[in-house]
Amino acid sequence: MYSRWDKKLEIVDNTLKRYSDRRKKNIYQSLLRPLYQELLKSIFIIIIMIFDTFILLEIILILNIPINIIIFFITASILFYIEIKIYNKFWGKNGKWSIDKYKKIKKN
């Protein structure tokens, strides 16, 4: 009886440990960049979320039932593609403010 609970608790413990390690790594990486870049990243994400929400909800409310769902998914796909491109241009792996550039600067 105890072994079954021990296994489940071990699984939960390992999951929480992995999550904690990932969280520590993300916090450490965010400390490598200057604060204004992290602030701009957060503002960008918030504005994008608000913009997407209102645009997509307006599409659903304004158009008729069969058309609004189709246009909703098309518009959402286009918006998400553009937003991902913008994000990668600034904060992506080869972006203007990528973490890798600051890791290289810190090592030197």
N, C-alpha and C. Protein backbone atom coordinates (compact mmCIF):
# COMPACT_ATOMS: atom_id res chain seq x y z
N MET A 1 0.81 -1.19 0.00
CA MET A 1 0.00 0.00 0.00
C MET A 1 0.86 1.25 0.00
N TYR A 2 1.89 1.25 0.82
CA TYR A 2 2.74 2.44 0.88
C TYR A 2 3.58 2.61 -0.37
N SER A 3 3.95 1.52 -1.01
CA SER A 3 4.80 1.63 -2.18
C SER A 3 4.08 2.33 -3.34
N ARG A 4 2.78 2.11 -3.45
CA ARG A 4 2.03 2.77 -4.51
C ARG A 4 2.01 4.28 -4.28
N TRP A 5 1.79 4.69 -3.04
CA TRP A 5 1.79 6.12 -2.73
C TRP A 5 3.19 6.71 -2.84
N ASP A 6 4.18 5.93 -2.47
CA ASP A 6 5.55 6.41 -2.59
C ASP A 6 5.91 6.69 -4.04
N LYS A 7 5.48 5.83 -4.94
CA LYS A 7 5.76 6.03 -6.36
C LYS A 7 5.08 7.28 -6.88
N LYS A 8 3.82 7.48 -6.48
CA LYS A 8 3.10 8.67 -6.93
C LYS A 8 3.71 9.94 -6.37
N LEU A 9 4.11 9.90 -5.11
CA LEU A 9 4.75 11.06 -4.50
C LEU A 9 6.11 11.34 -5.14
N GLU A 10 6.81 10.31 -5.51
CA GLU A 10 8.10 10.48 -6.18
C GLU A 10 7.92 11.12 -7.56
N ILE A 11 6.89 10.72 -8.27
CA ILE A 11 6.60 11.31 -9.58
C ILE A 11 6.27 12.79 -9.43
N VAL A 12 5.44 13.11 -8.45
CA VAL A 12 5.08 14.52 -8.21
C VAL A 12 6.32 15.31 -7.80
N ASP A 13 7.14 14.72 -6.94
CA ASP A 13 8.36 15.40 -6.49
C ASP A 13 9.31 15.67 -7.66
N ASN A 14 9.49 14.70 -8.54
CA ASN A 14 10.35 14.89 -9.71
C ASN A 14 9.80 15.97 -10.65
N THR A 15 8.49 15.98 -10.83
CA THR A 15 7.86 16.99 -11.67
C THR A 15 8.08 18.38 -11.10
N LEU A 16 7.87 18.53 -9.80
CA LEU A 16 8.08 19.83 -9.16
C LEU A 16 9.55 20.25 -9.21
N LYS A 17 10.46 19.30 -9.08
CA LYS A 17 11.89 19.61 -9.16
C LYS A 17 12.26 20.10 -10.55
N ARG A 18 11.76 19.43 -11.59
CA ARG A 18 12.04 19.88 -12.96
C ARG A 18 11.48 21.27 -13.21
N TYR A 19 10.26 21.50 -12.74
CA TYR A 19 9.65 22.82 -12.89
C TYR A 19 10.46 23.89 -12.16
N SER A 20 10.91 23.57 -10.96
CA SER A 20 11.70 24.52 -10.18
C SER A 20 13.03 24.81 -10.87
N ASP A 21 13.67 23.78 -11.41
CA ASP A 21 14.94 23.99 -12.12
C ASP A 21 14.75 24.86 -13.36
N ARG A 22 13.68 24.60 -14.11
CA ARG A 22 13.39 25.43 -15.29
C ARG A 22 13.13 26.87 -14.90
N ARG A 23 12.39 27.06 -13.82
CA ARG A 23 12.06 28.41 -13.35
C ARG A 23 13.32 29.15 -12.91
N LYS A 24 14.23 28.47 -12.20
CA LYS A 24 15.49 29.09 -11.80
C LYS A 24 16.32 29.48 -13.02
N LYS A 25 16.34 28.61 -14.02
CA LYS A 25 17.10 28.90 -15.23
C LYS A 25 16.52 30.12 -15.95
N ASN A 26 15.19 30.20 -16.05
CA ASN A 26 14.56 31.34 -16.70
C ASN A 26 14.82 32.64 -15.94
N ILE A 27 14.79 32.59 -14.63
CA ILE A 27 15.08 33.78 -13.83
C ILE A 27 16.53 34.20 -14.02
N TYR A 28 17.44 33.24 -14.01
CA TYR A 28 18.85 33.56 -14.22
C TYR A 28 19.08 34.19 -15.59
N GLN A 29 18.43 33.63 -16.61
CA GLN A 29 18.60 34.18 -17.95
C GLN A 29 17.99 35.56 -18.07
N SER A 30 16.91 35.82 -17.38
CA SER A 30 16.31 37.14 -17.46
C SER A 30 17.19 38.19 -16.76
N LEU A 31 18.04 37.75 -15.84
CA LEU A 31 18.95 38.68 -15.17
C LEU A 31 20.14 39.05 -16.03
N LEU A 32 20.39 38.31 -17.10
CA LEU A 32 21.51 38.62 -17.98
C LEU A 32 21.24 39.86 -18.82
N ARG A 33 20.01 40.05 -19.22
CA ARG A 33 19.64 41.19 -20.05
C ARG A 33 19.47 42.43 -19.19
N PRO A 34 19.64 43.60 -19.81
CA PRO A 34 19.30 44.84 -19.10
C PRO A 34 17.81 44.89 -18.78
N LEU A 35 17.47 45.60 -17.75
CA LEU A 35 16.10 45.65 -17.26
C LEU A 35 15.14 46.23 -18.29
N TYR A 36 15.57 47.25 -19.04
CA TYR A 36 14.66 47.86 -20.01
C TYR A 36 14.26 46.87 -21.10
N GLN A 37 15.13 45.94 -21.44
CA GLN A 37 14.78 44.94 -22.46
C GLN A 37 13.75 43.95 -21.92
N GLU A 38 13.89 43.55 -20.68
CA GLU A 38 12.89 42.67 -20.07
C GLU A 38 11.56 43.40 -19.95
N LEU A 39 11.61 44.68 -19.62
CA LEU A 39 10.39 45.48 -19.51
C LEU A 39 9.71 45.59 -20.87
N LEU A 40 10.48 45.87 -21.92
CA LEU A 40 9.91 45.95 -23.26
C LEU A 40 9.33 44.61 -23.71
N LYS A 41 9.98 43.53 -23.35
CA LYS A 41 9.47 42.20 -23.68
C LYS A 41 8.12 41.96 -23.01
N SER A 42 8.02 42.30 -21.74
CA SER A 42 6.76 42.12 -21.01
C SER A 42 5.65 43.01 -21.57
N ILE A 43 5.98 44.25 -21.86
CA ILE A 43 4.99 45.17 -22.44
C ILE A 43 4.54 44.67 -23.80
N PHE A 44 5.46 44.18 -24.61
CA PHE A 44 5.13 43.62 -25.92
C PHE A 44 4.13 42.48 -25.79
N ILE A 45 4.39 41.57 -24.87
CA ILE A 45 3.52 40.41 -24.69
C ILE A 45 2.14 40.85 -24.21
N ILE A 46 2.09 41.80 -23.28
CA ILE A 46 0.80 42.27 -22.77
C ILE A 46 0.00 42.96 -23.87
N ILE A 47 0.64 43.83 -24.64
CA ILE A 47 -0.06 44.54 -25.72
C ILE A 47 -0.56 43.56 -26.77
N ILE A 48 0.25 42.59 -27.11
CA ILE A 48 -0.15 41.59 -28.10
C ILE A 48 -1.36 40.80 -27.60
N MET A 49 -1.35 40.42 -26.34
CA MET A 49 -2.48 39.66 -25.79
C MET A 49 -3.77 40.48 -25.82
N ILE A 50 -3.68 41.73 -25.43
CA ILE A 50 -4.86 42.60 -25.44
C ILE A 50 -5.33 42.82 -26.88
N PHE A 51 -4.40 43.12 -27.77
CA PHE A 51 -4.73 43.37 -29.17
C PHE A 51 -5.40 42.15 -29.80
N ASP A 52 -4.81 40.98 -29.60
CA ASP A 52 -5.39 39.76 -30.18
C ASP A 52 -6.78 39.49 -29.62
N THR A 53 -6.93 39.67 -28.33
CA THR A 53 -8.23 39.40 -27.71
C THR A 53 -9.31 40.27 -28.31
N PHE A 54 -9.07 41.57 -28.38
CA PHE A 54 -10.11 42.46 -28.87
C PHE A 54 -10.38 42.30 -30.36
N ILE A 55 -9.34 42.14 -31.15
CA ILE A 55 -9.54 41.97 -32.59
C ILE A 55 -10.32 40.69 -32.87
N LEU A 56 -9.91 39.60 -32.25
CA LEU A 56 -10.56 38.31 -32.53
C LEU A 56 -11.98 38.26 -31.97
N LEU A 57 -12.21 38.88 -30.83
CA LEU A 57 -13.58 38.92 -30.30
C LEU A 57 -14.50 39.79 -31.18
N GLU A 58 -13.97 40.87 -31.70
CA GLU A 58 -14.77 41.71 -32.59
C GLU A 58 -15.14 40.95 -33.86
N ILE A 59 -14.24 40.15 -34.37
CA ILE A 59 -14.55 39.35 -35.56
C ILE A 59 -15.70 38.40 -35.26
N ILE A 60 -15.66 37.77 -34.11
CA ILE A 60 -16.72 36.83 -33.75
C ILE A 60 -18.05 37.55 -33.57
N LEU A 61 -18.03 38.73 -32.98
CA LEU A 61 -19.28 39.45 -32.70
C LEU A 61 -19.89 40.10 -33.93
N ILE A 62 -19.08 40.62 -34.82
CA ILE A 62 -19.59 41.39 -35.96
C ILE A 62 -20.13 40.50 -37.07
N LEU A 63 -19.42 39.44 -37.38
CA LEU A 63 -19.80 38.62 -38.54
C LEU A 63 -20.82 37.55 -38.17
N ASN A 64 -21.43 36.97 -39.19
CA ASN A 64 -22.41 35.90 -38.99
C ASN A 64 -21.72 34.60 -38.62
N ILE A 65 -22.50 33.66 -38.12
CA ILE A 65 -21.98 32.43 -37.52
C ILE A 65 -21.03 31.62 -38.41
N PRO A 66 -21.36 31.20 -39.59
CA PRO A 66 -20.39 30.33 -40.28
C PRO A 66 -19.14 31.07 -40.74
N ILE A 67 -19.31 32.32 -41.11
CA ILE A 67 -18.18 33.08 -41.65
C ILE A 67 -17.24 33.50 -40.53
N ASN A 68 -17.78 33.86 -39.36
CA ASN A 68 -16.93 34.40 -38.31
C ASN A 68 -15.91 33.38 -37.78
N ILE A 69 -16.27 32.12 -37.76
CA ILE A 69 -15.34 31.10 -37.27
C ILE A 69 -14.19 30.93 -38.24
N ILE A 70 -14.49 30.91 -39.52
CA ILE A 70 -13.45 30.77 -40.54
C ILE A 70 -12.50 31.96 -40.51
N ILE A 71 -13.06 33.16 -40.52
CA ILE A 71 -12.23 34.37 -40.51
C ILE A 71 -11.48 34.49 -39.19
N PHE A 72 -12.09 34.05 -38.09
CA PHE A 72 -11.41 34.05 -36.79
C PHE A 72 -10.11 33.25 -36.86
N PHE A 73 -10.17 32.02 -37.37
CA PHE A 73 -8.98 31.18 -37.42
C PHE A 73 -7.95 31.70 -38.42
N ILE A 74 -8.40 32.22 -39.53
CA ILE A 74 -7.46 32.80 -40.50
C ILE A 74 -6.75 34.01 -39.91
N THR A 75 -7.51 34.90 -39.30
CA THR A 75 -6.93 36.10 -38.71
C THR A 75 -6.02 35.74 -37.54
N ALA A 76 -6.44 34.81 -36.71
CA ALA A 76 -5.60 34.39 -35.58
C ALA A 76 -4.28 33.80 -36.08
N SER A 77 -4.33 33.00 -37.12
CA SER A 77 -3.11 32.41 -37.67
C SER A 77 -2.17 33.48 -38.20
N ILE A 78 -2.71 34.44 -38.92
CA ILE A 78 -1.89 35.51 -39.48
C ILE A 78 -1.29 36.37 -38.37
N LEU A 79 -2.11 36.74 -37.38
CA LEU A 79 -1.61 37.57 -36.28
C LEU A 79 -0.54 36.84 -35.48
N PHE A 80 -0.75 35.58 -35.17
CA PHE A 80 0.24 34.83 -34.40
C PHE A 80 1.54 34.67 -35.17
N TYR A 81 1.45 34.46 -36.47
CA TYR A 81 2.66 34.35 -37.30
C TYR A 81 3.45 35.65 -37.27
N ILE A 82 2.77 36.77 -37.45
CA ILE A 82 3.44 38.07 -37.44
C ILE A 82 4.06 38.34 -36.06
N GLU A 83 3.32 38.04 -35.00
CA GLU A 83 3.82 38.28 -33.65
C GLU A 83 5.03 37.42 -33.32
N ILE A 84 5.02 36.19 -33.76
CA ILE A 84 6.16 35.31 -33.52
C ILE A 84 7.38 35.81 -34.28
N LYS A 85 7.18 36.29 -35.50
CA LYS A 85 8.29 36.85 -36.27
C LYS A 85 8.88 38.08 -35.58
N ILE A 86 8.02 38.96 -35.08
CA ILE A 86 8.50 40.15 -34.38
C ILE A 86 9.24 39.75 -33.11
N TYR A 87 8.68 38.82 -32.35
CA TYR A 87 9.32 38.37 -31.12
C TYR A 87 10.70 37.78 -31.40
N ASN A 88 10.78 36.91 -32.41
CA ASN A 88 12.06 36.29 -32.75
C ASN A 88 13.07 37.29 -33.26
N LYS A 89 12.61 38.35 -33.91
CA LYS A 89 13.53 39.37 -34.41
C LYS A 89 14.24 40.08 -33.26
N PHE A 90 13.54 40.29 -32.16
CA PHE A 90 14.14 41.00 -31.04
C PHE A 90 14.69 40.06 -29.96
N TRP A 91 13.92 39.06 -29.52
CA TRP A 91 14.31 38.24 -28.38
C TRP A 91 14.59 36.80 -28.74
N GLY A 92 14.52 36.44 -29.99
CA GLY A 92 14.75 35.05 -30.39
C GLY A 92 16.22 34.66 -30.31
N LYS A 93 16.52 33.49 -30.79
CA LYS A 93 17.88 32.95 -30.69
C LYS A 93 18.90 33.83 -31.40
N ASN A 94 18.57 34.32 -32.56
CA ASN A 94 19.47 35.21 -33.31
C ASN A 94 18.98 36.64 -33.32
N GLY A 95 18.15 36.99 -32.36
CA GLY A 95 17.54 38.31 -32.32
C GLY A 95 18.50 39.39 -31.85
N LYS A 96 17.99 40.61 -31.93
CA LYS A 96 18.78 41.78 -31.55
C LYS A 96 19.17 41.74 -30.08
N TRP A 97 18.27 41.28 -29.21
CA TRP A 97 18.52 41.23 -27.77
C TRP A 97 18.48 39.80 -27.26
N SER A 98 19.06 38.87 -27.97
CA SER A 98 19.00 37.46 -27.56
C SER A 98 19.84 37.21 -26.32
N ILE A 99 19.48 36.18 -25.60
CA ILE A 99 20.21 35.80 -24.38
C ILE A 99 21.63 35.36 -24.71
N ASP A 100 21.80 34.70 -25.85
CA ASP A 100 23.13 34.20 -26.22
C ASP A 100 24.15 35.32 -26.33
N LYS A 101 23.73 36.47 -26.83
CA LYS A 101 24.66 37.60 -26.94
C LYS A 101 25.13 38.07 -25.56
N TYR A 102 24.22 38.06 -24.61
CA TYR A 102 24.60 38.51 -23.27
C TYR A 102 25.40 37.47 -22.53
N LYS A 103 25.20 36.20 -22.85
CA LYS A 103 26.02 35.15 -22.26
C LYS A 103 27.46 35.29 -22.73
N LYS A 104 27.64 35.59 -24.03
CA LYS A 104 28.98 35.78 -24.58
C LYS A 104 29.66 36.99 -23.96
N ILE A 105 28.90 38.07 -23.77
CA ILE A 105 29.47 39.28 -23.17
C ILE A 105 29.88 39.00 -21.74
N LYS A 106 29.07 38.26 -21.00
CA LYS A 106 29.36 37.96 -19.59
C LYS A 106 30.59 37.06 -19.47
N LYS A 107 30.76 36.11 -20.40
CA LYS A 107 31.92 35.22 -20.35
C LYS A 107 33.20 35.98 -20.62
N ASN A 108 33.13 36.98 -21.51
CA ASN A 108 34.33 37.76 -21.81
C ASN A 108 34.61 38.70 -20.67
